[in-house]
Amino acid sequence: MKIILSLVFIALLISYSAAQQKEEAAKKYEREKFDPNRDAEKDIHAAIEEAKKTDKRILLDVGGEWCIWCHRLDEFFAENEDVNNFLHENFVVVKVNYSPENKNEKVLSKYPEIPGYPHFFVLDTNGKFLHSQGTGELEKGKGHDREKMMAFLKKWAPNKSAD
């Protein structure tokens, strides 16, 4: 009987430990949602100020909560900590909502036409447009390709003396 109780106790302890680890991992990477109520113009101006202070470039991540590939992209960054770290060490990321509630047409009209979502725009430290990137080119199967994503980020990461 003592052995059975000990085994049950150990099983419960292992289950609790696994649940705690999963909860901590979820807290570590909280997904920022696309919010139709945000002021994209104001968010971009704030990103420019931060980019100037931190010597980073700006990455506009355009999409919406309706977009399955937008969620897959967020999951990719959550699951690839090294890629996510590189992203945030080199870019100020701004999520720009595109949905029926708010298409952010005024802001997005400043950039090339978007063929699909999610879509990236790379801006320099001062907010000058540098590059338009369809994320479909960075996909692999039902997700995103780690090597392609890192190549894209490295190509557009700031050259600390150029911006």
N, C-alpha and C. Protein backbone atom coordinates (compact mmCIF):
# COMPACT_ATOMS: atom_id res chain seq x y z
N MET A 1 0.82 -1.20 0.00
CA MET A 1 0.00 0.00 0.00
C MET A 1 0.87 1.26 0.00
N LYS A 2 1.96 1.22 0.79
CA LYS A 2 2.86 2.38 0.85
C LYS A 2 3.49 2.63 -0.52
N ILE A 3 3.80 1.57 -1.24
CA ILE A 3 4.42 1.71 -2.56
C ILE A 3 3.44 2.36 -3.52
N ILE A 4 2.18 1.94 -3.48
CA ILE A 4 1.16 2.52 -4.36
C ILE A 4 0.97 3.99 -4.05
N LEU A 5 0.87 4.35 -2.79
CA LEU A 5 0.72 5.76 -2.40
C LEU A 5 1.94 6.57 -2.82
N SER A 6 3.11 5.99 -2.68
CA SER A 6 4.33 6.68 -3.09
C SER A 6 4.34 6.92 -4.60
N LEU A 7 3.93 5.92 -5.36
CA LEU A 7 3.87 6.06 -6.81
C LEU A 7 2.84 7.11 -7.23
N VAL A 8 1.69 7.12 -6.58
CA VAL A 8 0.67 8.12 -6.87
C VAL A 8 1.21 9.52 -6.55
N PHE A 9 1.87 9.65 -5.42
CA PHE A 9 2.45 10.94 -5.02
C PHE A 9 3.49 11.41 -6.05
N ILE A 10 4.34 10.51 -6.48
CA ILE A 10 5.38 10.85 -7.47
C ILE A 10 4.73 11.25 -8.80
N ALA A 11 3.70 10.53 -9.22
CA ALA A 11 3.00 10.85 -10.47
C ALA A 11 2.36 12.23 -10.39
N LEU A 12 1.75 12.54 -9.26
CA LEU A 12 1.14 13.86 -9.08
C LEU A 12 2.20 14.96 -9.09
N LEU A 13 3.32 14.70 -8.45
CA LEU A 13 4.41 15.67 -8.40
C LEU A 13 4.96 15.95 -9.80
N ILE A 14 5.13 14.89 -10.59
CA ILE A 14 5.62 15.04 -11.96
C ILE A 14 4.60 15.82 -12.80
N SER A 15 3.32 15.51 -12.67
CA SER A 15 2.27 16.23 -13.41
C SER A 15 2.26 17.70 -13.05
N TYR A 16 2.37 17.99 -11.77
CA TYR A 16 2.37 19.38 -11.30
C TYR A 16 3.59 20.12 -11.85
N SER A 17 4.74 19.46 -11.82
CA SER A 17 5.97 20.06 -12.32
C SER A 17 5.86 20.37 -13.81
N ALA A 18 5.32 19.46 -14.59
CA ALA A 18 5.15 19.65 -16.03
C ALA A 18 4.19 20.80 -16.31
N ALA A 19 3.11 20.88 -15.55
CA ALA A 19 2.14 21.97 -15.72
C ALA A 19 2.77 23.31 -15.38
N GLN A 20 3.59 23.35 -14.33
CA GLN A 20 4.27 24.58 -13.94
C GLN A 20 5.22 25.04 -15.05
N GLN A 21 5.97 24.11 -15.62
CA GLN A 21 6.91 24.45 -16.69
C GLN A 21 6.18 25.00 -17.91
N LYS A 22 5.05 24.39 -18.25
CA LYS A 22 4.27 24.85 -19.39
C LYS A 22 3.72 26.26 -19.13
N GLU A 23 3.25 26.50 -17.91
CA GLU A 23 2.72 27.81 -17.54
C GLU A 23 3.83 28.87 -17.57
N GLU A 24 5.02 28.53 -17.09
CA GLU A 24 6.14 29.47 -17.10
C GLU A 24 6.57 29.79 -18.53
N ALA A 25 6.56 28.80 -19.41
CA ALA A 25 6.93 29.03 -20.80
C ALA A 25 5.91 29.96 -21.46
N ALA A 26 4.63 29.77 -21.16
CA ALA A 26 3.59 30.63 -21.73
C ALA A 26 3.74 32.07 -21.22
N LYS A 27 4.09 32.24 -19.96
CA LYS A 27 4.30 33.58 -19.41
C LYS A 27 5.51 34.25 -20.03
N LYS A 28 6.54 33.46 -20.32
CA LYS A 28 7.78 33.98 -20.88
C LYS A 28 7.52 34.65 -22.22
N TYR A 29 6.62 34.09 -23.02
CA TYR A 29 6.31 34.67 -24.31
C TYR A 29 4.81 34.88 -24.40
N GLU A 30 4.38 36.08 -24.06
CA GLU A 30 2.97 36.41 -24.21
C GLU A 30 2.78 37.03 -25.58
N ARG A 31 1.91 36.47 -26.33
CA ARG A 31 1.64 36.92 -27.69
C ARG A 31 0.96 38.28 -27.68
N GLU A 32 1.55 39.22 -28.40
CA GLU A 32 0.91 40.52 -28.57
C GLU A 32 -0.11 40.38 -29.70
N LYS A 33 -1.32 40.80 -29.44
CA LYS A 33 -2.38 40.66 -30.43
C LYS A 33 -2.45 41.88 -31.35
N PHE A 34 -3.02 41.66 -32.52
CA PHE A 34 -3.33 42.76 -33.43
C PHE A 34 -4.59 43.43 -32.88
N ASP A 35 -4.49 44.72 -32.60
CA ASP A 35 -5.57 45.43 -31.94
C ASP A 35 -6.12 46.52 -32.87
N PRO A 36 -7.38 46.37 -33.33
CA PRO A 36 -7.96 47.37 -34.22
C PRO A 36 -8.14 48.74 -33.56
N ASN A 37 -8.08 48.79 -32.24
CA ASN A 37 -8.26 50.05 -31.53
C ASN A 37 -6.97 50.84 -31.34
N ARG A 38 -5.84 50.24 -31.67
CA ARG A 38 -4.56 50.95 -31.52
C ARG A 38 -4.40 51.99 -32.61
N ASP A 39 -3.66 53.03 -32.30
CA ASP A 39 -3.34 54.09 -33.25
C ASP A 39 -1.99 53.74 -33.88
N ALA A 40 -2.02 53.16 -35.08
CA ALA A 40 -0.79 52.69 -35.74
C ALA A 40 0.19 53.83 -35.97
N GLU A 41 -0.31 54.99 -36.34
CA GLU A 41 0.55 56.16 -36.58
C GLU A 41 1.32 56.51 -35.31
N LYS A 42 0.63 56.54 -34.22
CA LYS A 42 1.26 56.85 -32.92
C LYS A 42 2.25 55.76 -32.52
N ASP A 43 1.88 54.50 -32.75
CA ASP A 43 2.76 53.38 -32.43
C ASP A 43 4.06 53.45 -33.24
N ILE A 44 3.96 53.82 -34.51
CA ILE A 44 5.15 53.92 -35.36
C ILE A 44 6.03 55.08 -34.90
N HIS A 45 5.42 56.20 -34.54
CA HIS A 45 6.22 57.33 -34.03
C HIS A 45 6.94 56.95 -32.74
N ALA A 46 6.27 56.22 -31.87
CA ALA A 46 6.91 55.76 -30.62
C ALA A 46 8.06 54.80 -30.95
N ALA A 47 7.86 53.95 -31.95
CA ALA A 47 8.91 53.02 -32.36
C ALA A 47 10.12 53.77 -32.91
N ILE A 48 9.88 54.83 -33.65
CA ILE A 48 10.99 55.64 -34.19
C ILE A 48 11.80 56.23 -33.04
N GLU A 49 11.12 56.75 -32.04
CA GLU A 49 11.83 57.32 -30.88
C GLU A 49 12.66 56.25 -30.17
N GLU A 50 12.07 55.06 -29.99
CA GLU A 50 12.80 53.96 -29.34
C GLU A 50 13.97 53.50 -30.20
N ALA A 51 13.74 53.40 -31.51
CA ALA A 51 14.80 52.96 -32.43
C ALA A 51 15.99 53.91 -32.40
N LYS A 52 15.71 55.20 -32.34
CA LYS A 52 16.79 56.20 -32.28
C LYS A 52 17.61 56.03 -31.00
N LYS A 53 16.93 55.76 -29.90
CA LYS A 53 17.62 55.60 -28.61
C LYS A 53 18.42 54.31 -28.55
N THR A 54 17.93 53.26 -29.19
CA THR A 54 18.52 51.93 -29.07
C THR A 54 19.33 51.50 -30.28
N ASP A 55 19.36 52.34 -31.33
CA ASP A 55 20.08 52.05 -32.56
C ASP A 55 19.58 50.75 -33.20
N LYS A 56 18.26 50.63 -33.29
CA LYS A 56 17.63 49.48 -33.92
C LYS A 56 16.87 49.93 -35.15
N ARG A 57 16.51 48.98 -35.98
CA ARG A 57 15.60 49.24 -37.08
C ARG A 57 14.19 48.94 -36.59
N ILE A 58 13.22 49.22 -37.43
CA ILE A 58 11.81 49.01 -37.09
C ILE A 58 11.23 47.96 -38.02
N LEU A 59 10.50 47.02 -37.45
CA LEU A 59 9.83 46.00 -38.24
C LEU A 59 8.33 46.15 -38.01
N LEU A 60 7.61 46.53 -39.06
CA LEU A 60 6.15 46.58 -39.00
C LEU A 60 5.63 45.20 -39.36
N ASP A 61 4.87 44.62 -38.47
CA ASP A 61 4.26 43.31 -38.65
C ASP A 61 2.78 43.56 -38.90
N VAL A 62 2.35 43.46 -40.16
CA VAL A 62 0.98 43.80 -40.54
C VAL A 62 0.15 42.53 -40.66
N GLY A 63 -0.98 42.53 -39.98
CA GLY A 63 -1.86 41.36 -40.01
C GLY A 63 -3.09 41.60 -39.15
N GLY A 64 -3.73 40.52 -38.76
CA GLY A 64 -4.94 40.64 -37.95
C GLY A 64 -5.21 39.36 -37.18
N GLU A 65 -6.10 39.47 -36.23
CA GLU A 65 -6.47 38.31 -35.41
C GLU A 65 -7.19 37.25 -36.25
N TRP A 66 -7.75 37.62 -37.37
CA TRP A 66 -8.46 36.71 -38.26
C TRP A 66 -7.49 35.82 -39.06
N CYS A 67 -6.22 36.17 -39.06
CA CYS A 67 -5.21 35.59 -39.95
C CYS A 67 -4.49 34.41 -39.28
N ILE A 68 -4.73 33.19 -39.75
CA ILE A 68 -4.10 32.00 -39.18
C ILE A 68 -2.58 32.04 -39.31
N TRP A 69 -2.07 32.58 -40.43
CA TRP A 69 -0.62 32.65 -40.62
C TRP A 69 0.02 33.68 -39.69
N CYS A 70 -0.75 34.68 -39.28
CA CYS A 70 -0.25 35.65 -38.28
C CYS A 70 -0.04 34.94 -36.95
N HIS A 71 -0.97 34.08 -36.59
CA HIS A 71 -0.84 33.29 -35.35
C HIS A 71 0.33 32.30 -35.47
N ARG A 72 0.46 31.69 -36.63
CA ARG A 72 1.58 30.75 -36.84
C ARG A 72 2.92 31.46 -36.75
N LEU A 73 2.98 32.69 -37.25
CA LEU A 73 4.22 33.46 -37.16
C LEU A 73 4.55 33.76 -35.70
N ASP A 74 3.56 34.15 -34.93
CA ASP A 74 3.79 34.40 -33.49
C ASP A 74 4.23 33.13 -32.78
N GLU A 75 3.62 32.00 -33.14
CA GLU A 75 4.02 30.71 -32.55
C GLU A 75 5.46 30.38 -32.92
N PHE A 76 5.84 30.69 -34.15
CA PHE A 76 7.22 30.45 -34.58
C PHE A 76 8.20 31.19 -33.69
N PHE A 77 7.94 32.47 -33.44
CA PHE A 77 8.85 33.25 -32.60
C PHE A 77 8.83 32.73 -31.16
N ALA A 78 7.68 32.30 -30.68
CA ALA A 78 7.59 31.75 -29.32
C ALA A 78 8.39 30.46 -29.19
N GLU A 79 8.41 29.66 -30.23
CA GLU A 79 9.09 28.36 -30.18
C GLU A 79 10.57 28.44 -30.54
N ASN A 80 11.01 29.53 -31.13
CA ASN A 80 12.40 29.70 -31.55
C ASN A 80 13.00 30.89 -30.81
N GLU A 81 13.37 30.64 -29.58
CA GLU A 81 13.83 31.71 -28.68
C GLU A 81 15.02 32.48 -29.25
N ASP A 82 15.95 31.78 -29.90
CA ASP A 82 17.11 32.46 -30.45
C ASP A 82 16.73 33.43 -31.57
N VAL A 83 15.76 33.03 -32.41
CA VAL A 83 15.29 33.90 -33.48
C VAL A 83 14.54 35.09 -32.88
N ASN A 84 13.70 34.82 -31.90
CA ASN A 84 12.95 35.88 -31.22
C ASN A 84 13.90 36.87 -30.54
N ASN A 85 14.94 36.36 -29.90
CA ASN A 85 15.93 37.24 -29.25
C ASN A 85 16.64 38.11 -30.29
N PHE A 86 17.05 37.50 -31.40
CA PHE A 86 17.72 38.27 -32.46
C PHE A 86 16.79 39.36 -32.98
N LEU A 87 15.54 39.01 -33.20
CA LEU A 87 14.54 39.97 -33.67
C LEU A 87 14.50 41.18 -32.74
N HIS A 88 14.33 40.94 -31.45
CA HIS A 88 14.15 42.04 -30.50
C HIS A 88 15.45 42.76 -30.14
N GLU A 89 16.58 42.12 -30.38
CA GLU A 89 17.87 42.80 -30.17
C GLU A 89 18.16 43.79 -31.30
N ASN A 90 17.54 43.59 -32.46
CA ASN A 90 17.86 44.39 -33.63
C ASN A 90 16.71 45.23 -34.19
N PHE A 91 15.49 44.94 -33.76
CA PHE A 91 14.33 45.64 -34.31
C PHE A 91 13.37 46.05 -33.19
N VAL A 92 12.73 47.19 -33.40
CA VAL A 92 11.57 47.57 -32.60
C VAL A 92 10.38 47.06 -33.42
N VAL A 93 9.61 46.16 -32.86
CA VAL A 93 8.52 45.52 -33.60
C VAL A 93 7.20 46.25 -33.30
N VAL A 94 6.48 46.58 -34.37
CA VAL A 94 5.18 47.23 -34.24
C VAL A 94 4.15 46.38 -34.97
N LYS A 95 3.14 45.94 -34.24
CA LYS A 95 2.05 45.20 -34.88
C LYS A 95 1.06 46.23 -35.42
N VAL A 96 0.79 46.15 -36.72
CA VAL A 96 -0.16 47.04 -37.36
C VAL A 96 -1.37 46.21 -37.78
N ASN A 97 -2.50 46.51 -37.22
CA ASN A 97 -3.73 45.76 -37.49
C ASN A 97 -4.26 46.05 -38.89
N TYR A 98 -4.72 44.97 -39.55
CA TYR A 98 -5.47 45.10 -40.79
C TYR A 98 -6.66 44.15 -40.65
N SER A 99 -7.84 44.74 -40.53
CA SER A 99 -9.06 43.95 -40.37
C SER A 99 -10.25 44.79 -40.80
N PRO A 100 -11.43 44.19 -40.93
CA PRO A 100 -12.61 44.98 -41.30
C PRO A 100 -12.87 46.14 -40.31
N GLU A 101 -12.51 45.94 -39.04
CA GLU A 101 -12.74 46.99 -38.04
C GLU A 101 -11.80 48.18 -38.23
N ASN A 102 -10.59 47.92 -38.72
CA ASN A 102 -9.61 48.98 -38.91
C ASN A 102 -8.55 48.50 -39.90
N LYS A 103 -8.58 49.03 -41.08
CA LYS A 103 -7.63 48.63 -42.12
C LYS A 103 -6.37 49.48 -42.11
N ASN A 104 -6.31 50.49 -41.26
CA ASN A 104 -5.15 51.37 -41.15
C ASN A 104 -4.70 51.87 -42.53
N GLU A 105 -5.67 52.24 -43.35
CA GLU A 105 -5.40 52.63 -44.74
C GLU A 105 -4.48 53.85 -44.83
N LYS A 106 -4.67 54.83 -43.96
CA LYS A 106 -3.85 56.04 -44.02
C LYS A 106 -2.37 55.69 -43.80
N VAL A 107 -2.10 54.89 -42.78
CA VAL A 107 -0.72 54.51 -42.46
C VAL A 107 -0.15 53.60 -43.54
N LEU A 108 -0.90 52.58 -43.91
CA LEU A 108 -0.39 51.59 -44.86
C LEU A 108 -0.25 52.14 -46.28
N SER A 109 -0.95 53.25 -46.59
CA SER A 109 -0.83 53.84 -47.93
C SER A 109 0.56 54.42 -48.18
N LYS A 110 1.36 54.56 -47.14
CA LYS A 110 2.72 55.09 -47.26
C LYS A 110 3.71 54.03 -47.74
N TYR A 111 3.26 52.78 -47.79
CA TYR A 111 4.14 51.66 -48.11
C TYR A 111 3.61 50.93 -49.34
N PRO A 112 4.44 50.06 -49.93
CA PRO A 112 3.97 49.29 -51.09
C PRO A 112 2.74 48.45 -50.76
N GLU A 113 2.01 48.10 -51.80
CA GLU A 113 0.80 47.29 -51.65
C GLU A 113 1.15 45.94 -51.02
N ILE A 114 0.27 45.48 -50.16
CA ILE A 114 0.48 44.21 -49.45
C ILE A 114 -0.28 43.10 -50.19
N PRO A 115 0.43 42.09 -50.69
CA PRO A 115 -0.23 41.01 -51.42
C PRO A 115 -0.87 39.95 -50.52
N GLY A 116 -0.45 39.85 -49.27
CA GLY A 116 -0.99 38.84 -48.36
C GLY A 116 -0.51 39.09 -46.94
N TYR A 117 -1.10 38.39 -46.01
CA TYR A 117 -0.81 38.61 -44.58
C TYR A 117 -0.35 37.33 -43.92
N PRO A 118 0.51 37.43 -42.92
CA PRO A 118 1.17 38.64 -42.41
C PRO A 118 2.18 39.19 -43.41
N HIS A 119 2.53 40.44 -43.20
CA HIS A 119 3.48 41.11 -44.08
C HIS A 119 4.40 41.98 -43.23
N PHE A 120 5.67 42.04 -43.63
CA PHE A 120 6.65 42.86 -42.92
C PHE A 120 7.05 44.07 -43.77
N PHE A 121 7.23 45.19 -43.08
CA PHE A 121 7.91 46.35 -43.65
C PHE A 121 9.08 46.65 -42.75
N VAL A 122 10.25 46.82 -43.33
CA VAL A 122 11.44 47.18 -42.56
C VAL A 122 11.66 48.67 -42.75
N LEU A 123 11.84 49.38 -41.64
CA LEU A 123 12.12 50.81 -41.66
C LEU A 123 13.47 51.05 -40.99
N ASP A 124 14.14 52.11 -41.39
CA ASP A 124 15.39 52.41 -40.71
C ASP A 124 15.11 53.08 -39.36
N THR A 125 16.15 53.45 -38.67
CA THR A 125 16.04 54.04 -37.34
C THR A 125 15.18 55.30 -37.33
N ASN A 126 15.15 56.01 -38.45
CA ASN A 126 14.39 57.26 -38.54
C ASN A 126 12.99 57.06 -39.13
N GLY A 127 12.62 55.81 -39.41
CA GLY A 127 11.30 55.53 -39.95
C GLY A 127 11.23 55.52 -41.47
N LYS A 128 12.37 55.62 -42.15
CA LYS A 128 12.39 55.59 -43.61
C LYS A 128 12.20 54.15 -44.09
N PHE A 129 11.31 53.97 -45.07
CA PHE A 129 11.03 52.66 -45.64
C PHE A 129 12.27 52.08 -46.31
N LEU A 130 12.57 50.81 -45.98
CA LEU A 130 13.70 50.11 -46.59
C LEU A 130 13.30 48.91 -47.43
N HIS A 131 12.31 48.12 -46.93
CA HIS A 131 12.03 46.84 -47.59
C HIS A 131 10.62 46.37 -47.26
N SER A 132 9.99 45.72 -48.25
CA SER A 132 8.69 45.07 -48.11
C SER A 132 8.91 43.57 -48.23
N GLN A 133 8.41 42.80 -47.25
CA GLN A 133 8.67 41.36 -47.25
C GLN A 133 7.39 40.57 -47.03
N GLY A 134 7.01 39.80 -48.05
CA GLY A 134 5.92 38.85 -47.88
C GLY A 134 6.42 37.68 -47.04
N THR A 135 5.67 37.30 -46.04
CA THR A 135 6.15 36.22 -45.17
C THR A 135 5.92 34.84 -45.78
N GLY A 136 5.15 34.77 -46.85
CA GLY A 136 4.97 33.50 -47.55
C GLY A 136 6.29 32.94 -48.03
N GLU A 137 7.22 33.83 -48.36
CA GLU A 137 8.55 33.42 -48.82
C GLU A 137 9.39 32.85 -47.68
N LEU A 138 8.93 33.05 -46.44
CA LEU A 138 9.66 32.58 -45.26
C LEU A 138 9.01 31.34 -44.65
N GLU A 139 8.03 30.80 -45.34
CA GLU A 139 7.28 29.65 -44.82
C GLU A 139 7.91 28.32 -45.23
N LYS A 140 7.53 27.32 -44.46
CA LYS A 140 7.90 25.94 -44.76
C LYS A 140 6.78 25.07 -44.21
N GLY A 141 6.09 24.35 -45.09
CA GLY A 141 4.97 23.53 -44.64
C GLY A 141 3.89 24.39 -44.01
N LYS A 142 3.48 24.01 -42.79
CA LYS A 142 2.43 24.74 -42.07
C LYS A 142 3.02 25.72 -41.06
N GLY A 143 4.25 26.16 -41.30
CA GLY A 143 4.90 27.09 -40.38
C GLY A 143 5.93 27.93 -41.12
N HIS A 144 6.88 28.43 -40.37
CA HIS A 144 7.92 29.27 -40.94
C HIS A 144 9.28 28.58 -40.84
N ASP A 145 10.12 28.83 -41.82
CA ASP A 145 11.43 28.20 -41.90
C ASP A 145 12.45 29.00 -41.10
N ARG A 146 13.08 28.34 -40.14
CA ARG A 146 14.02 28.99 -39.25
C ARG A 146 15.18 29.64 -40.01
N GLU A 147 15.77 28.93 -40.96
CA GLU A 147 16.91 29.45 -41.70
C GLU A 147 16.53 30.65 -42.56
N LYS A 148 15.37 30.56 -43.24
CA LYS A 148 14.91 31.68 -44.07
C LYS A 148 14.62 32.91 -43.21
N MET A 149 13.99 32.69 -42.06
CA MET A 149 13.66 33.81 -41.18
C MET A 149 14.93 34.47 -40.65
N MET A 150 15.90 33.66 -40.22
CA MET A 150 17.15 34.24 -39.71
C MET A 150 17.90 34.98 -40.82
N ALA A 151 17.91 34.43 -42.03
CA ALA A 151 18.58 35.10 -43.16
C ALA A 151 17.92 36.46 -43.42
N PHE A 152 16.59 36.49 -43.40
CA PHE A 152 15.87 37.75 -43.60
C PHE A 152 16.23 38.75 -42.49
N LEU A 153 16.15 38.32 -41.24
CA LEU A 153 16.44 39.23 -40.12
C LEU A 153 17.89 39.72 -40.15
N LYS A 154 18.82 38.83 -40.44
CA LYS A 154 20.23 39.23 -40.50
C LYS A 154 20.49 40.20 -41.64
N LYS A 155 19.84 39.98 -42.76
CA LYS A 155 20.02 40.87 -43.91
C LYS A 155 19.56 42.29 -43.58
N TRP A 156 18.48 42.42 -42.81
CA TRP A 156 17.89 43.73 -42.55
C TRP A 156 18.19 44.27 -41.16
N ALA A 157 18.94 43.53 -40.36
CA ALA A 157 19.35 44.04 -39.04
C ALA A 157 20.22 45.27 -39.27
N PRO A 158 20.23 46.18 -38.33
CA PRO A 158 20.98 47.42 -38.55
C PRO A 158 22.49 47.20 -38.61
N ASN A 159 23.08 47.88 -39.55
CA ASN A 159 24.53 48.01 -39.58
C ASN A 159 24.76 49.24 -38.71
N LYS A 160 25.26 49.07 -37.53
CA LYS A 160 25.29 50.13 -36.53
C LYS A 160 25.89 51.44 -37.03
N SER A 161 26.66 51.42 -38.09
CA SER A 161 27.24 52.66 -38.61
C SER A 161 26.48 53.21 -39.82
N ALA A 162 25.50 52.42 -40.35
CA ALA A 162 24.83 52.83 -41.57
C ALA A 162 23.56 53.64 -41.34
N ASP A 163 22.79 53.34 -40.32
CA ASP A 163 21.49 54.04 -40.11
C ASP A 163 21.66 55.42 -39.55
